[in-house]
Every structure is written in C-alpha cells, then in structure tokens.
Amino acid sequence: WAPIASLPGMGERTLLLNSMSKLMSPGVRIGWIRAEGSILDTLAVA
C-alpha cells in the first residue's frame, strides 16, 4: 500500500517515518523521516 503521503498534495504536508528495525534488525537503530520544505532544517536541529 502506497503511503498517504504519496497522494496528490500530501507529500508537502506529511512527515513520513520509516524504520529498518522490523525489516533488517531492531538492534541496529536506524530509521528516517521523509519531509519537504523548511521543516527539514528544524528536524535536523531537533
């Protein structure tokens, strides 16, 4: 199922979270946030 973020108009107003924990290993603590626009800088600062 494609994420809601992929629907027209939603990519710019969605923070989409993914993780490798359930696919590769929960002990390797790696995931990511997909975002657009100025919120990206704020996420990096946080």
ModelCIF file with pLDDT and N, C-alpha, C, O atoms, coordinates in Angstrom:
data_MODEL
#
_entry.id   MODEL 
#
_entity.id                         1 
_entity.type                       polymer 
_entity.pdbx_number_of_molecules   1 
#
_entity_poly.entity_id                      1 
_entity_poly.type                           'polypeptide(L)' 
_entity_poly.nstd_linkage                   no 
_entity_poly.nstd_monomer                   no 
_entity_poly.pdbx_seq_one_letter_code       WAPIASLPGMGERTLLLNSMSKLMSPGVRIGWIRAEGSILDTLAVA 
_entity_poly.pdbx_seq_one_letter_code_can   WAPIASLPGMGERTLLLNSMSKLMSPGVRIGWIRAEGSILDTLAVA 
_entity_poly.pdbx_strand_id                 A 
#
loop_
_entity_poly_seq.entity_id 
_entity_poly_seq.num 
_entity_poly_seq.mon_id 
_entity_poly_seq.hetero 
1 1  TRP n 
1 2  ALA n 
1 3  PRO n 
1 4  ILE n 
1 5  ALA n 
1 6  SER n 
1 7  LEU n 
1 8  PRO n 
1 9  GLY n 
1 10 MET n 
1 11 GLY n 
1 12 GLU n 
1 13 ARG n 
1 14 THR n 
1 15 LEU n 
1 16 LEU n 
1 17 LEU n 
1 18 ASN n 
1 19 SER n 
1 20 MET n 
1 21 SER n 
1 22 LYS n 
1 23 LEU n 
1 24 MET n 
1 25 SER n 
1 26 PRO n 
1 27 GLY n 
1 28 VAL n 
1 29 ARG n 
1 30 ILE n 
1 31 GLY n 
1 32 TRP n 
1 33 ILE n 
1 34 ARG n 
1 35 ALA n 
1 36 GLU n 
1 37 GLY n 
1 38 SER n 
1 39 ILE n 
1 40 LEU n 
1 41 ASP n 
1 42 THR n 
1 43 LEU n 
1 44 ALA n 
1 45 VAL n 
1 46 ALA n 
#
_struct_asym.id          A 
_struct_asym.entity_id   1 
#
loop_
_ma_qa_metric.id 
_ma_qa_metric.mode 
_ma_qa_metric.name 
_ma_qa_metric.software_group_id 
_ma_qa_metric.type 
1 global pLDDT . pLDDT 
2 local  pLDDT . pLDDT 
#
_ma_qa_metric_global.metric_id      1 
_ma_qa_metric_global.metric_value   97.09 
_ma_qa_metric_global.model_id       1 
_ma_qa_metric_global.ordinal_id     1 
#
loop_
_ma_qa_metric_local.label_asym_id 
_ma_qa_metric_local.label_comp_id 
_ma_qa_metric_local.label_seq_id 
_ma_qa_metric_local.metric_id 
_ma_qa_metric_local.metric_value 
_ma_qa_metric_local.model_id 
_ma_qa_metric_local.ordinal_id 
A TRP 1  2 96.00 1 1  
A ALA 2  2 97.00 1 2  
A PRO 3  2 98.00 1 3  
A ILE 4  2 98.00 1 4  
A ALA 5  2 98.00 1 5  
A SER 6  2 98.00 1 6  
A LEU 7  2 98.00 1 7  
A PRO 8  2 98.00 1 8  
A GLY 9  2 98.00 1 9  
A MET 10 2 98.00 1 10 
A GLY 11 2 98.00 1 11 
A GLU 12 2 98.00 1 12 
A ARG 13 2 98.00 1 13 
A THR 14 2 98.00 1 14 
A LEU 15 2 98.00 1 15 
A LEU 16 2 98.00 1 16 
A LEU 17 2 98.00 1 17 
A ASN 18 2 98.00 1 18 
A SER 19 2 97.00 1 19 
A MET 20 2 97.00 1 20 
A SER 21 2 94.00 1 21 
A LYS 22 2 94.00 1 22 
A LEU 23 2 95.00 1 23 
A MET 24 2 96.00 1 24 
A SER 25 2 95.00 1 25 
A PRO 26 2 95.00 1 26 
A GLY 27 2 95.00 1 27 
A VAL 28 2 95.00 1 28 
A ARG 29 2 95.00 1 29 
A ILE 30 2 98.00 1 30 
A GLY 31 2 97.00 1 31 
A TRP 32 2 98.00 1 32 
A ILE 33 2 98.00 1 33 
A ARG 34 2 98.00 1 34 
A ALA 35 2 98.00 1 35 
A GLU 36 2 98.00 1 36 
A GLY 37 2 97.00 1 37 
A SER 38 2 96.00 1 38 
A ILE 39 2 98.00 1 39 
A LEU 40 2 98.00 1 40 
A ASP 41 2 97.00 1 41 
A THR 42 2 97.00 1 42 
A LEU 43 2 98.00 1 43 
A ALA 44 2 97.00 1 44 
A VAL 45 2 97.00 1 45 
A ALA 46 2 97.00 1 46 
#
loop_
_atom_site.group_PDB 
_atom_site.id 
_atom_site.type_symbol 
_atom_site.label_atom_id 
_atom_site.label_alt_id 
_atom_site.label_comp_id 
_atom_site.label_asym_id 
_atom_site.label_entity_id 
_atom_site.label_seq_id 
_atom_site.pdbx_PDB_ins_code 
_atom_site.Cartn_x 
_atom_site.Cartn_y 
_atom_site.Cartn_z 
_atom_site.occupancy 
_atom_site.B_iso_or_equiv 
_atom_site.pdbx_formal_charge 
_atom_site.auth_seq_id 
_atom_site.auth_comp_id 
_atom_site.auth_asym_id 
_atom_site.auth_atom_id 
_atom_site.pdbx_PDB_model_num 
ATOM 1   N N  . TRP A 1 1  ? 0.843  -1.190 0.000  1.00 96.00 ? 1  TRP A N  1 
ATOM 2   C CA . TRP A 1 1  ? 0.000  0.000  0.000  1.00 96.00 ? 1  TRP A CA 1 
ATOM 3   C C  . TRP A 1 1  ? 0.878  1.240  0.000  1.00 96.00 ? 1  TRP A C  1 
ATOM 4   O O  . TRP A 1 1  ? 1.720  1.423  0.880  1.00 96.00 ? 1  TRP A O  1 
ATOM 5   N N  . ALA A 1 2  ? 0.675  2.074  -0.980 1.00 97.00 ? 2  ALA A N  1 
ATOM 6   C CA . ALA A 1 2  ? 1.413  3.338  -1.021 1.00 97.00 ? 2  ALA A CA 1 
ATOM 7   C C  . ALA A 1 2  ? 0.985  4.207  0.150  1.00 97.00 ? 2  ALA A C  1 
ATOM 8   O O  . ALA A 1 2  ? -0.185 4.193  0.533  1.00 97.00 ? 2  ALA A O  1 
ATOM 9   N N  . PRO A 1 3  ? 1.914  4.963  0.727  1.00 98.00 ? 3  PRO A N  1 
ATOM 10  C CA . PRO A 1 3  ? 1.558  5.793  1.885  1.00 98.00 ? 3  PRO A CA 1 
ATOM 11  C C  . PRO A 1 3  ? 0.598  6.909  1.510  1.00 98.00 ? 3  PRO A C  1 
ATOM 12  O O  . PRO A 1 3  ? 0.503  7.300  0.347  1.00 98.00 ? 3  PRO A O  1 
ATOM 13  N N  . ILE A 1 4  ? -0.107 7.413  2.506  1.00 98.00 ? 4  ILE A N  1 
ATOM 14  C CA . ILE A 1 4  ? -0.974 8.574  2.298  1.00 98.00 ? 4  ILE A CA 1 
ATOM 15  C C  . ILE A 1 4  ? -0.159 9.738  1.750  1.00 98.00 ? 4  ILE A C  1 
ATOM 16  O O  . ILE A 1 4  ? -0.664 10.547 0.971  1.00 98.00 ? 4  ILE A O  1 
ATOM 17  N N  . ALA A 1 5  ? 1.105  9.820  2.161  1.00 98.00 ? 5  ALA A N  1 
ATOM 18  C CA . ALA A 1 5  ? 1.984  10.899 1.698  1.00 98.00 ? 5  ALA A CA 1 
ATOM 19  C C  . ALA A 1 5  ? 2.132  10.927 0.188  1.00 98.00 ? 5  ALA A C  1 
ATOM 20  O O  . ALA A 1 5  ? 2.473  11.967 -0.376 1.00 98.00 ? 5  ALA A O  1 
ATOM 21  N N  . SER A 1 6  ? 1.881  9.798  -0.487 1.00 98.00 ? 6  SER A N  1 
ATOM 22  C CA . SER A 1 6  ? 2.057  9.729  -1.939 1.00 98.00 ? 6  SER A CA 1 
ATOM 23  C C  . SER A 1 6  ? 0.854  10.270 -2.698 1.00 98.00 ? 6  SER A C  1 
ATOM 24  O O  . SER A 1 6  ? 0.934  10.450 -3.914 1.00 98.00 ? 6  SER A O  1 
ATOM 25  N N  . LEU A 1 7  ? -0.261 10.535 -2.019 1.00 98.00 ? 7  LEU A N  1 
ATOM 26  C CA . LEU A 1 7  ? -1.456 11.042 -2.687 1.00 98.00 ? 7  LEU A CA 1 
ATOM 27  C C  . LEU A 1 7  ? -1.260 12.519 -3.074 1.00 98.00 ? 7  LEU A C  1 
ATOM 28  O O  . LEU A 1 7  ? -0.526 13.235 -2.394 1.00 98.00 ? 7  LEU A O  1 
ATOM 29  N N  . PRO A 1 8  ? -1.904 12.977 -4.148 1.00 98.00 ? 8  PRO A N  1 
ATOM 30  C CA . PRO A 1 8  ? -1.698 14.352 -4.616 1.00 98.00 ? 8  PRO A CA 1 
ATOM 31  C C  . PRO A 1 8  ? -1.896 15.381 -3.508 1.00 98.00 ? 8  PRO A C  1 
ATOM 32  O O  . PRO A 1 8  ? -2.912 15.387 -2.813 1.00 98.00 ? 8  PRO A O  1 
ATOM 33  N N  . GLY A 1 9  ? -0.906 16.243 -3.363 1.00 98.00 ? 9  GLY A N  1 
ATOM 34  C CA . GLY A 1 9  ? -0.975 17.323 -2.388 1.00 98.00 ? 9  GLY A CA 1 
ATOM 35  C C  . GLY A 1 9  ? -0.499 16.967 -0.998 1.00 98.00 ? 9  GLY A C  1 
ATOM 36  O O  . GLY A 1 9  ? -0.321 17.852 -0.161 1.00 98.00 ? 9  GLY A O  1 
ATOM 37  N N  . MET A 1 10 ? -0.283 15.655 -0.729 1.00 98.00 ? 10 MET A N  1 
ATOM 38  C CA . MET A 1 10 ? 0.031  15.251 0.635  1.00 98.00 ? 10 MET A CA 1 
ATOM 39  C C  . MET A 1 10 ? 1.532  15.205 0.941  1.00 98.00 ? 10 MET A C  1 
ATOM 40  O O  . MET A 1 10 ? 1.912  15.289 2.109  1.00 98.00 ? 10 MET A O  1 
ATOM 41  N N  . GLY A 1 11 ? 2.380  15.076 -0.059 1.00 98.00 ? 11 GLY A N  1 
ATOM 42  C CA . GLY A 1 11 ? 3.812  14.958 0.203  1.00 98.00 ? 11 GLY A CA 1 
ATOM 43  C C  . GLY A 1 11 ? 4.377  16.131 0.963  1.00 98.00 ? 11 GLY A C  1 
ATOM 44  O O  . GLY A 1 11 ? 5.219  15.951 1.842  1.00 98.00 ? 11 GLY A O  1 
ATOM 45  N N  . GLU A 1 12 ? 3.927  17.343 0.640  1.00 98.00 ? 12 GLU A N  1 
ATOM 46  C CA . GLU A 1 12 ? 4.477  18.544 1.265  1.00 98.00 ? 12 GLU A CA 1 
ATOM 47  C C  . GLU A 1 12 ? 3.955  18.776 2.670  1.00 98.00 ? 12 GLU A C  1 
ATOM 48  O O  . GLU A 1 12 ? 4.522  19.581 3.409  1.00 98.00 ? 12 GLU A O  1 
ATOM 49  N N  . ARG A 1 13 ? 2.885  18.088 3.057  1.00 98.00 ? 13 ARG A N  1 
ATOM 50  C CA . ARG A 1 13 ? 2.295  18.309 4.381  1.00 98.00 ? 13 ARG A CA 1 
ATOM 51  C C  . ARG A 1 13 ? 2.330  17.050 5.243  1.00 98.00 ? 13 ARG A C  1 
ATOM 52  O O  . ARG A 1 13 ? 1.593  16.946 6.224  1.00 98.00 ? 13 ARG A O  1 
ATOM 53  N N  . THR A 1 14 ? 3.201  16.076 4.872  1.00 98.00 ? 14 THR A N  1 
ATOM 54  C CA . THR A 1 14 ? 3.319  14.837 5.631  1.00 98.00 ? 14 THR A CA 1 
ATOM 55  C C  . THR A 1 14 ? 4.757  14.607 6.061  1.00 98.00 ? 14 THR A C  1 
ATOM 56  O O  . THR A 1 14 ? 5.685  14.761 5.267  1.00 98.00 ? 14 THR A O  1 
ATOM 57  N N  . LEU A 1 15 ? 4.935  14.240 7.316  1.00 98.00 ? 15 LEU A N  1 
ATOM 58  C CA . LEU A 1 15 ? 6.199  13.683 7.799  1.00 98.00 ? 15 LEU A CA 1 
ATOM 59  C C  . LEU A 1 15 ? 6.027  12.173 7.801  1.00 98.00 ? 15 LEU A C  1 
ATOM 60  O O  . LEU A 1 15 ? 5.232  11.634 8.572  1.00 98.00 ? 15 LEU A O  1 
ATOM 61  N N  . LEU A 1 16 ? 6.776  11.486 6.935  1.00 98.00 ? 16 LEU A N  1 
ATOM 62  C CA . LEU A 1 16 ? 6.658  10.042 6.756  1.00 98.00 ? 16 LEU A CA 1 
ATOM 63  C C  . LEU A 1 16 ? 7.825  9.358  7.441  1.00 98.00 ? 16 LEU A C  1 
ATOM 64  O O  . LEU A 1 16 ? 8.984  9.605  7.105  1.00 98.00 ? 16 LEU A O  1 
ATOM 65  N N  . LEU A 1 17 ? 7.516  8.485  8.414  1.00 98.00 ? 17 LEU A N  1 
ATOM 66  C CA . LEU A 1 17 ? 8.541  7.791  9.194  1.00 98.00 ? 17 LEU A CA 1 
ATOM 67  C C  . LEU A 1 17 ? 8.670  6.346  8.733  1.00 98.00 ? 17 LEU A C  1 
ATOM 68  O O  . LEU A 1 17 ? 7.677  5.635  8.579  1.00 98.00 ? 17 LEU A O  1 
ATOM 69  N N  . ASN A 1 18 ? 9.920  5.924  8.515  1.00 98.00 ? 18 ASN A N  1 
ATOM 70  C CA . ASN A 1 18 ? 10.239 4.526  8.205  1.00 98.00 ? 18 ASN A CA 1 
ATOM 71  C C  . ASN A 1 18 ? 11.336 4.028  9.130  1.00 98.00 ? 18 ASN A C  1 
ATOM 72  O O  . ASN A 1 18 ? 12.038 4.814  9.766  1.00 98.00 ? 18 ASN A O  1 
ATOM 73  N N  . SER A 1 19 ? 11.471 2.710  9.195  1.00 97.00 ? 19 SER A N  1 
ATOM 74  C CA . SER A 1 19 ? 12.459 2.110  10.084 1.00 97.00 ? 19 SER A CA 1 
ATOM 75  C C  . SER A 1 19 ? 13.004 0.830  9.469  1.00 97.00 ? 19 SER A C  1 
ATOM 76  O O  . SER A 1 19 ? 12.290 0.111  8.771  1.00 97.00 ? 19 SER A O  1 
ATOM 77  N N  . MET A 1 20 ? 14.272 0.555  9.734  1.00 97.00 ? 20 MET A N  1 
ATOM 78  C CA . MET A 1 20 ? 14.865 -0.737 9.356  1.00 97.00 ? 20 MET A CA 1 
ATOM 79  C C  . MET A 1 20 ? 14.724 -1.777 10.455 1.00 97.00 ? 20 MET A C  1 
ATOM 80  O O  . MET A 1 20 ? 15.142 -2.920 10.271 1.00 97.00 ? 20 MET A O  1 
ATOM 81  N N  . SER A 1 21 ? 14.148 -1.409 11.590 1.00 94.00 ? 21 SER A N  1 
ATOM 82  C CA . SER A 1 21 ? 14.095 -2.306 12.741 1.00 94.00 ? 21 SER A CA 1 
ATOM 83  C C  . SER A 1 21 ? 13.333 -3.593 12.438 1.00 94.00 ? 21 SER A C  1 
ATOM 84  O O  . SER A 1 21 ? 13.785 -4.681 12.796 1.00 94.00 ? 21 SER A O  1 
ATOM 85  N N  . LYS A 1 22 ? 12.185 -3.476 11.784 1.00 94.00 ? 22 LYS A N  1 
ATOM 86  C CA . LYS A 1 22 ? 11.350 -4.651 11.535 1.00 94.00 ? 22 LYS A CA 1 
ATOM 87  C C  . LYS A 1 22 ? 11.742 -5.379 10.255 1.00 94.00 ? 22 LYS A C  1 
ATOM 88  O O  . LYS A 1 22 ? 11.277 -6.493 10.012 1.00 94.00 ? 22 LYS A O  1 
ATOM 89  N N  . LEU A 1 23 ? 12.596 -4.761 9.429  1.00 95.00 ? 23 LEU A N  1 
ATOM 90  C CA . LEU A 1 23 ? 12.973 -5.359 8.151  1.00 95.00 ? 23 LEU A CA 1 
ATOM 91  C C  . LEU A 1 23 ? 14.357 -5.985 8.187  1.00 95.00 ? 23 LEU A C  1 
ATOM 92  O O  . LEU A 1 23 ? 14.583 -7.027 7.572  1.00 95.00 ? 23 LEU A O  1 
ATOM 93  N N  . MET A 1 24 ? 15.280 -5.364 8.897  1.00 96.00 ? 24 MET A N  1 
ATOM 94  C CA . MET A 1 24 ? 16.671 -5.828 8.932  1.00 96.00 ? 24 MET A CA 1 
ATOM 95  C C  . MET A 1 24 ? 17.069 -6.277 10.335 1.00 96.00 ? 24 MET A C  1 
ATOM 96  O O  . MET A 1 24 ? 17.473 -7.422 10.537 1.00 96.00 ? 24 MET A O  1 
ATOM 97  N N  . SER A 1 25 ? 16.950 -5.361 11.306 1.00 95.00 ? 25 SER A N  1 
ATOM 98  C CA . SER A 1 25 ? 17.358 -5.686 12.678 1.00 95.00 ? 25 SER A CA 1 
ATOM 99  C C  . SER A 1 25 ? 16.908 -4.595 13.629 1.00 95.00 ? 25 SER A C  1 
ATOM 100 O O  . SER A 1 25 ? 17.192 -3.420 13.394 1.00 95.00 ? 25 SER A O  1 
ATOM 101 N N  . PRO A 1 26 ? 16.201 -4.960 14.716 1.00 95.00 ? 26 PRO A N  1 
ATOM 102 C CA . PRO A 1 26 ? 15.844 -3.939 15.705 1.00 95.00 ? 26 PRO A CA 1 
ATOM 103 C C  . PRO A 1 26 ? 17.035 -3.472 16.521 1.00 95.00 ? 26 PRO A C  1 
ATOM 104 O O  . PRO A 1 26 ? 16.997 -2.392 17.111 1.00 95.00 ? 26 PRO A O  1 
ATOM 105 N N  . GLY A 1 27 ? 18.105 -4.279 16.563 1.00 95.00 ? 27 GLY A N  1 
ATOM 106 C CA . GLY A 1 27 ? 19.288 -3.873 17.308 1.00 95.00 ? 27 GLY A CA 1 
ATOM 107 C C  . GLY A 1 27 ? 20.088 -2.793 16.604 1.00 95.00 ? 27 GLY A C  1 
ATOM 108 O O  . GLY A 1 27 ? 20.832 -2.054 17.248 1.00 95.00 ? 27 GLY A O  1 
ATOM 109 N N  . VAL A 1 28 ? 19.945 -2.693 15.295 1.00 95.00 ? 28 VAL A N  1 
ATOM 110 C CA . VAL A 1 28 ? 20.574 -1.620 14.519 1.00 95.00 ? 28 VAL A CA 1 
ATOM 111 C C  . VAL A 1 28 ? 19.567 -0.485 14.455 1.00 95.00 ? 28 VAL A C  1 
ATOM 112 O O  . VAL A 1 28 ? 18.645 -0.520 13.640 1.00 95.00 ? 28 VAL A O  1 
ATOM 113 N N  . ARG A 1 29 ? 19.730 0.503  15.291 1.00 95.00 ? 29 ARG A N  1 
ATOM 114 C CA . ARG A 1 29 ? 18.702 1.528  15.493 1.00 95.00 ? 29 ARG A CA 1 
ATOM 115 C C  . ARG A 1 29 ? 18.783 2.590  14.403 1.00 95.00 ? 29 ARG A C  1 
ATOM 116 O O  . ARG A 1 29 ? 19.316 3.679  14.617 1.00 95.00 ? 29 ARG A O  1 
ATOM 117 N N  . ILE A 1 30 ? 18.242 2.255  13.221 1.00 98.00 ? 30 ILE A N  1 
ATOM 118 C CA . ILE A 1 30 ? 18.281 3.181  12.099 1.00 98.00 ? 30 ILE A CA 1 
ATOM 119 C C  . ILE A 1 30 ? 16.894 3.296  11.475 1.00 98.00 ? 30 ILE A C  1 
ATOM 120 O O  . ILE A 1 30 ? 16.257 2.299  11.135 1.00 98.00 ? 30 ILE A O  1 
ATOM 121 N N  . GLY A 1 31 ? 16.450 4.539  11.335 1.00 97.00 ? 31 GLY A N  1 
ATOM 122 C CA . GLY A 1 31 ? 15.223 4.854  10.619 1.00 97.00 ? 31 GLY A CA 1 
ATOM 123 C C  . GLY A 1 31 ? 15.385 6.205  9.963  1.00 97.00 ? 31 GLY A C  1 
ATOM 124 O O  . GLY A 1 31 ? 16.479 6.770  9.966  1.00 97.00 ? 31 GLY A O  1 
ATOM 125 N N  . TRP A 1 32 ? 14.301 6.737  9.396  1.00 98.00 ? 32 TRP A N  1 
ATOM 126 C CA . TRP A 1 32 ? 14.389 8.056  8.774  1.00 98.00 ? 32 TRP A CA 1 
ATOM 127 C C  . TRP A 1 32 ? 13.018 8.714  8.690  1.00 98.00 ? 32 TRP A C  1 
ATOM 128 O O  . TRP A 1 32 ? 11.978 8.062  8.777  1.00 98.00 ? 32 TRP A O  1 
ATOM 129 N N  . ILE A 1 33 ? 13.061 10.026 8.518  1.00 98.00 ? 33 ILE A N  1 
ATOM 130 C CA . ILE A 1 33 ? 11.863 10.838 8.286  1.00 98.00 ? 33 ILE A CA 1 
ATOM 131 C C  . ILE A 1 33 ? 11.980 11.428 6.895  1.00 98.00 ? 33 ILE A C  1 
ATOM 132 O O  . ILE A 1 33 ? 13.021 11.981 6.539  1.00 98.00 ? 33 ILE A O  1 
ATOM 133 N N  . ARG A 1 34 ? 10.920 11.316 6.102  1.00 98.00 ? 34 ARG A N  1 
ATOM 134 C CA . ARG A 1 34 ? 10.852 11.972 4.798  1.00 98.00 ? 34 ARG A CA 1 
ATOM 135 C C  . ARG A 1 34 ? 9.977  13.211 4.938  1.00 98.00 ? 34 ARG A C  1 
ATOM 136 O O  . ARG A 1 34 ? 8.847  13.126 5.419  1.00 98.00 ? 34 ARG A O  1 
ATOM 137 N N  . ALA A 1 35 ? 10.498 14.362 4.519  1.00 98.00 ? 35 ALA A N  1 
ATOM 138 C CA . ALA A 1 35 ? 9.763  15.619 4.644  1.00 98.00 ? 35 ALA A CA 1 
ATOM 139 C C  . ALA A 1 35 ? 10.116 16.525 3.483  1.00 98.00 ? 35 ALA A C  1 
ATOM 140 O O  . ALA A 1 35 ? 11.020 16.230 2.700  1.00 98.00 ? 35 ALA A O  1 
ATOM 141 N N  . GLU A 1 36 ? 9.395  17.627 3.378  1.00 98.00 ? 36 GLU A N  1 
ATOM 142 C CA . GLU A 1 36 ? 9.675  18.641 2.361  1.00 98.00 ? 36 GLU A CA 1 
ATOM 143 C C  . GLU A 1 36 ? 9.658  20.017 3.013  1.00 98.00 ? 36 GLU A C  1 
ATOM 144 O O  . GLU A 1 36 ? 8.950  20.247 3.994  1.00 98.00 ? 36 GLU A O  1 
ATOM 145 N N  . GLY A 1 37 ? 10.447 20.923 2.453  1.00 97.00 ? 37 GLY A N  1 
ATOM 146 C CA . GLY A 1 37 ? 10.378 22.316 2.866  1.00 97.00 ? 37 GLY A CA 1 
ATOM 147 C C  . GLY A 1 37 ? 11.187 22.640 4.115  1.00 97.00 ? 37 GLY A C  1 
ATOM 148 O O  . GLY A 1 37 ? 12.099 21.905 4.494  1.00 97.00 ? 37 GLY A O  1 
ATOM 149 N N  . SER A 1 38 ? 10.837 23.751 4.740  1.00 96.00 ? 38 SER A N  1 
ATOM 150 C CA . SER A 1 38 ? 11.634 24.311 5.837  1.00 96.00 ? 38 SER A CA 1 
ATOM 151 C C  . SER A 1 38 ? 11.648 23.436 7.083  1.00 96.00 ? 38 SER A C  1 
ATOM 152 O O  . SER A 1 38 ? 12.546 23.572 7.914  1.00 96.00 ? 38 SER A O  1 
ATOM 153 N N  . ILE A 1 39 ? 10.666 22.533 7.234  1.00 98.00 ? 39 ILE A N  1 
ATOM 154 C CA . ILE A 1 39 ? 10.645 21.665 8.411  1.00 98.00 ? 39 ILE A CA 1 
ATOM 155 C C  . ILE A 1 39 ? 11.882 20.777 8.450  1.00 98.00 ? 39 ILE A C  1 
ATOM 156 O O  . ILE A 1 39 ? 12.270 20.320 9.525  1.00 98.00 ? 39 ILE A O  1 
ATOM 157 N N  . LEU A 1 40 ? 12.514 20.521 7.300  1.00 98.00 ? 40 LEU A N  1 
ATOM 158 C CA . LEU A 1 40 ? 13.710 19.684 7.262  1.00 98.00 ? 40 LEU A CA 1 
ATOM 159 C C  . LEU A 1 40 ? 14.826 20.273 8.121  1.00 98.00 ? 40 LEU A C  1 
ATOM 160 O O  . LEU A 1 40 ? 15.516 19.540 8.829  1.00 98.00 ? 40 LEU A O  1 
ATOM 161 N N  . ASP A 1 41 ? 15.005 21.592 8.061  1.00 97.00 ? 41 ASP A N  1 
ATOM 162 C CA . ASP A 1 41 ? 16.041 22.227 8.881  1.00 97.00 ? 41 ASP A CA 1 
ATOM 163 C C  . ASP A 1 41 ? 15.704 22.108 10.362 1.00 97.00 ? 41 ASP A C  1 
ATOM 164 O O  . ASP A 1 41 ? 16.587 21.860 11.183 1.00 97.00 ? 41 ASP A O  1 
ATOM 165 N N  . THR A 1 42 ? 14.438 22.284 10.703 1.00 97.00 ? 42 THR A N  1 
ATOM 166 C CA . THR A 1 42 ? 14.028 22.179 12.109 1.00 97.00 ? 42 THR A CA 1 
ATOM 167 C C  . THR A 1 42 ? 14.225 20.759 12.622 1.00 97.00 ? 42 THR A C  1 
ATOM 168 O O  . THR A 1 42 ? 14.660 20.568 13.758 1.00 97.00 ? 42 THR A O  1 
ATOM 169 N N  . LEU A 1 43 ? 13.913 19.763 11.801 1.00 98.00 ? 43 LEU A N  1 
ATOM 170 C CA . LEU A 1 43 ? 14.124 18.369 12.202 1.00 98.00 ? 43 LEU A CA 1 
ATOM 171 C C  . LEU A 1 43 ? 15.597 18.092 12.472 1.00 98.00 ? 43 LEU A C  1 
ATOM 172 O O  . LEU A 1 43 ? 15.930 17.375 13.416 1.00 98.00 ? 43 LEU A O  1 
ATOM 173 N N  . ALA A 1 44 ? 16.482 18.654 11.648 1.00 97.00 ? 44 ALA A N  1 
ATOM 174 C CA . ALA A 1 44 ? 17.920 18.446 11.855 1.00 97.00 ? 44 ALA A CA 1 
ATOM 175 C C  . ALA A 1 44 ? 18.389 19.092 13.151 1.00 97.00 ? 44 ALA A C  1 
ATOM 176 O O  . ALA A 1 44 ? 19.206 18.519 13.872 1.00 97.00 ? 44 ALA A O  1 
ATOM 177 N N  . VAL A 1 45 ? 17.878 20.279 13.449 1.00 97.00 ? 45 VAL A N  1 
ATOM 178 C CA . VAL A 1 45 ? 18.250 20.956 14.701 1.00 97.00 ? 45 VAL A CA 1 
ATOM 179 C C  . VAL A 1 45 ? 17.742 20.162 15.903 1.00 97.00 ? 45 VAL A C  1 
ATOM 180 O O  . VAL A 1 45 ? 18.461 19.995 16.888 1.00 97.00 ? 45 VAL A O  1 
ATOM 181 N N  . ALA A 1 46 ? 16.494 19.669 15.822 1.00 97.00 ? 46 ALA A N  1 
ATOM 182 C CA . ALA A 1 46 ? 15.939 18.873 16.919 1.00 97.00 ? 46 ALA A CA 1 
ATOM 183 C C  . ALA A 1 46 ? 16.723 17.590 17.107 1.00 97.00 ? 46 ALA A C  1 
ATOM 184 O O  . ALA A 1 46 ? 16.400 16.792 17.987 1.00 97.00 ? 46 ALA A O  1 
#
